[in-house]
Amino acid sequence: MNKPSLPANCPFSQIRSSTISNTLRGRITLSMKRSLSPILFALGVMVFLPGCVTEDAGLPSYPASSRGQAMQVFDVEIVSVRRVALRGESSIVGVGAGALGGGIAGSMIGHGSTSALTAVGGALIGGLAGDAVERKVTSSTGVEIMVRTRSGQAWSIVQKDQGENFQRGEWVRMLINGDKRIITR
């Protein structure tokens, strides 16, 4: 039986799909090394691609949802600034992607009922790993800024560190939109 092959000039000729071969007993087996390569490549792209997106540190950054929304503006004096760690968030995306990848990888190990058990185990481990990766990717450094209005009212705002380098005693603006507060120049 001839194996399907890609043309030599095809950019994907180095990445081969699963090698399927008939065994003496008529079972179909998958070459795990080659079948996991596309999955690992896709997971690597999902993990490292967000790092390619950059923001201009010299510009104030606002969430897309704040476009066109009116905000109250207050002049405030900075009382103190300290760096804080912003813990990453967990969502169904990280858990689901990890469980899917782990389930697929696990199903390729073993045969019959063993394959089903390893798929379940792979999905559980993959879900935990996907959650951990998502939390790590969404973690960042932030600042807690204590400010005081001209009337003496004090506020504490925690926001992502955009490199503004706020200084104690500096007068800045506090933008308020509903329950969201942002400190900016």
Protein backbone atom coordinates (compact mmCIF):
# COMPACT_ATOMS: atom_id res chain seq x y z
CA MET A 1 0.00 0.00 0.00
CA ASN A 2 1.45 3.40 -0.99
CA LYS A 3 1.66 6.10 1.66
CA PRO A 4 0.24 9.50 0.68
CA SER A 5 2.92 12.15 0.39
CA LEU A 6 3.07 15.90 -0.07
CA PRO A 7 4.88 17.53 -2.99
CA ALA A 8 8.49 18.47 -2.18
CA ASN A 9 7.81 22.17 -2.77
CA CYS A 10 4.84 22.25 -0.37
CA PRO A 11 5.60 24.36 2.75
CA PHE A 12 3.92 21.71 4.88
CA SER A 13 5.97 18.81 3.54
CA GLN A 14 7.98 18.71 6.79
CA ILE A 15 4.83 18.47 8.92
CA ARG A 16 3.20 15.15 8.26
CA SER A 17 -0.21 14.04 9.39
CA SER A 18 -0.63 10.90 11.43
CA THR A 19 0.98 7.87 9.87
CA ILE A 20 -1.64 5.18 9.58
CA SER A 21 -0.47 1.65 9.16
CA ASN A 22 -2.29 -1.62 9.18
CA THR A 23 -0.94 -4.11 11.66
CA LEU A 24 -1.01 -7.87 11.16
CA ARG A 25 -4.23 -8.12 13.14
CA GLY A 26 -5.97 -5.47 11.04
CA ARG A 27 -5.86 -2.77 13.71
CA ILE A 28 -5.06 0.78 12.77
CA THR A 29 -2.37 2.43 14.85
CA LEU A 30 -1.29 6.02 14.90
CA SER A 31 2.27 7.16 15.11
CA MET A 32 2.06 9.19 18.31
CA LYS A 33 5.17 11.23 17.68
CA ARG A 34 3.91 12.57 14.38
CA SER A 35 0.25 12.89 15.39
CA LEU A 36 1.09 15.03 18.42
CA SER A 37 3.31 17.43 16.45
CA PRO A 38 0.43 19.50 14.99
CA ILE A 39 -1.31 19.61 18.38
CA LEU A 40 1.83 20.75 20.18
CA PHE A 41 2.49 23.32 17.45
CA ALA A 42 -1.06 24.71 17.80
CA LEU A 43 -0.77 24.87 21.60
CA GLY A 44 2.59 26.64 21.28
CA VAL A 45 1.07 29.23 18.94
CA MET A 46 -1.84 29.83 21.36
CA VAL A 47 0.55 30.35 24.29
CA PHE A 48 3.18 32.53 22.60
CA LEU A 49 1.12 34.51 20.06
CA PRO A 50 -0.41 36.89 22.66
CA GLY A 51 3.13 38.01 23.51
CA CYS A 52 3.45 39.42 19.99
CA VAL A 53 0.75 42.03 20.66
CA THR A 54 2.27 45.23 21.99
CA GLU A 55 0.88 48.53 23.20
CA ASP A 56 2.57 51.89 22.90
CA ALA A 57 3.74 52.58 26.46
CA GLY A 58 3.69 56.33 25.75
CA LEU A 59 -0.08 56.38 25.19
CA PRO A 60 -2.82 56.02 27.79
CA SER A 61 -4.57 52.68 27.42
CA TYR A 62 -8.32 52.20 27.78
CA PRO A 63 -10.43 49.08 27.29
CA ALA A 64 -12.30 48.95 23.98
CA SER A 65 -15.60 49.00 25.87
CA SER A 66 -14.90 52.57 27.10
CA ARG A 67 -14.99 54.06 23.59
CA GLY A 68 -17.66 56.72 23.25
CA GLN A 69 -18.60 56.61 26.93
CA ALA A 70 -18.76 59.79 29.00
CA MET A 71 -16.62 59.88 32.14
CA GLN A 72 -16.53 62.19 35.14
CA VAL A 73 -13.13 63.86 35.53
CA PHE A 74 -11.63 64.92 38.87
CA ASP A 75 -8.32 66.62 39.58
CA VAL A 76 -6.59 64.58 42.28
CA GLU A 77 -3.24 64.66 44.07
CA ILE A 78 -1.23 61.47 44.32
CA VAL A 79 -0.63 60.52 47.95
CA SER A 80 1.25 57.27 47.32
CA VAL A 81 2.04 54.74 44.60
CA ARG A 82 3.08 51.12 45.05
CA ARG A 83 3.56 48.24 42.66
CA VAL A 84 1.24 45.25 43.00
CA ALA A 85 0.81 41.91 41.26
CA LEU A 86 -2.42 41.50 39.31
CA ARG A 87 -3.39 37.82 39.45
CA GLY A 88 -4.48 36.24 36.23
CA GLU A 89 -8.05 35.27 35.58
CA SER A 90 -9.40 31.82 34.86
CA SER A 91 -12.09 31.20 32.28
CA ILE A 92 -13.61 28.38 30.31
CA VAL A 93 -11.24 29.17 27.42
CA GLY A 94 -8.05 27.99 29.14
CA VAL A 95 -9.68 25.03 30.84
CA GLY A 96 -11.56 24.01 27.67
CA ALA A 97 -8.57 24.32 25.35
CA GLY A 98 -6.38 22.37 27.76
CA ALA A 99 -9.00 19.67 28.27
CA LEU A 100 -9.53 19.33 24.53
CA GLY A 101 -5.81 19.05 23.80
CA GLY A 102 -5.24 16.70 26.73
CA GLY A 103 -8.21 14.53 25.75
CA ILE A 104 -7.01 14.21 22.17
CA ALA A 105 -3.45 13.46 23.27
CA GLY A 106 -4.68 10.97 25.86
CA SER A 107 -6.90 9.15 23.39
CA MET A 108 -3.87 8.39 21.23
CA ILE A 109 -2.35 6.32 24.00
CA GLY A 110 -3.56 2.76 24.34
CA HIS A 111 -6.28 0.83 22.54
CA GLY A 112 -9.94 0.12 23.27
CA SER A 113 -11.07 0.84 26.82
CA THR A 114 -7.52 1.88 27.77
CA SER A 115 -7.76 4.61 25.13
CA ALA A 116 -10.98 5.93 26.70
CA LEU A 117 -9.41 6.00 30.17
CA THR A 118 -6.30 7.80 28.96
CA ALA A 119 -8.50 10.30 27.09
CA VAL A 120 -10.37 11.12 30.31
CA GLY A 121 -7.10 11.36 32.25
CA GLY A 122 -5.58 13.52 29.51
CA ALA A 123 -8.63 15.81 29.54
CA LEU A 124 -8.39 16.27 33.32
CA ILE A 125 -4.66 16.96 33.27
CA GLY A 126 -5.02 19.14 30.16
CA GLY A 127 -7.80 21.17 31.78
CA LEU A 128 -5.64 21.84 34.85
CA ALA A 129 -2.65 22.73 32.67
CA GLY A 130 -4.76 25.01 30.45
CA ASP A 131 -6.09 26.82 33.51
CA ALA A 132 -2.55 27.32 34.86
CA VAL A 133 -1.30 28.61 31.50
CA GLU A 134 -4.22 31.04 31.19
CA ARG A 135 -3.66 32.40 34.70
CA LYS A 136 0.04 32.90 33.96
CA VAL A 137 -0.60 34.59 30.60
CA THR A 138 -3.23 36.97 32.05
CA SER A 139 -1.15 37.95 35.10
CA SER A 140 0.58 41.33 35.02
CA THR A 141 2.11 44.07 37.12
CA GLY A 142 -0.11 46.85 38.39
CA VAL A 143 -0.01 49.87 40.64
CA GLU A 144 -2.11 50.87 43.62
CA ILE A 145 -2.48 54.64 43.56
CA MET A 146 -3.75 56.50 46.63
CA VAL A 147 -5.18 59.90 45.66
CA ARG A 148 -6.97 62.80 47.34
CA THR A 149 -9.44 65.21 45.74
CA ARG A 150 -9.32 68.97 46.36
CA SER A 151 -12.19 68.50 48.83
CA GLY A 152 -10.12 65.98 50.83
CA GLN A 153 -11.88 62.80 49.76
CA ALA A 154 -9.41 59.87 49.49
CA TRP A 155 -9.47 57.09 46.88
CA SER A 156 -7.42 53.96 46.23
CA ILE A 157 -7.28 52.80 42.62
CA VAL A 158 -5.59 49.63 41.38
CA GLN A 159 -4.81 49.56 37.67
CA LYS A 160 -2.45 47.93 35.19
CA ASP A 161 1.00 49.52 35.15
CA GLN A 162 1.26 51.37 31.83
CA GLY A 163 4.66 52.89 32.66
CA GLU A 164 3.25 56.30 33.64
CA ASN A 165 5.64 56.55 36.62
CA PHE A 166 3.27 58.57 38.80
CA GLN A 167 4.98 60.54 41.62
CA ARG A 168 3.80 61.49 45.10
CA GLY A 169 2.47 65.06 45.16
CA GLU A 170 1.72 65.11 41.42
CA TRP A 171 -1.70 66.38 40.30
CA VAL A 172 -3.40 64.03 37.82
CA ARG A 173 -6.89 63.20 36.58
CA MET A 174 -9.18 60.51 37.96
CA LEU A 175 -11.68 59.33 35.35
CA ILE A 176 -14.84 57.71 36.68
CA ASN A 177 -17.22 55.64 34.56
CA GLY A 178 -19.74 53.73 36.66
CA ASP A 179 -17.70 51.68 39.15
CA LYS A 180 -14.46 51.96 37.11
CA ARG A 181 -11.78 54.48 38.04
CA ILE A 182 -8.63 55.26 36.04
CA ILE A 183 -5.75 57.55 36.95
CA THR A 184 -4.17 59.36 34.01
CA ARG A 185 -2.31 62.58 33.20
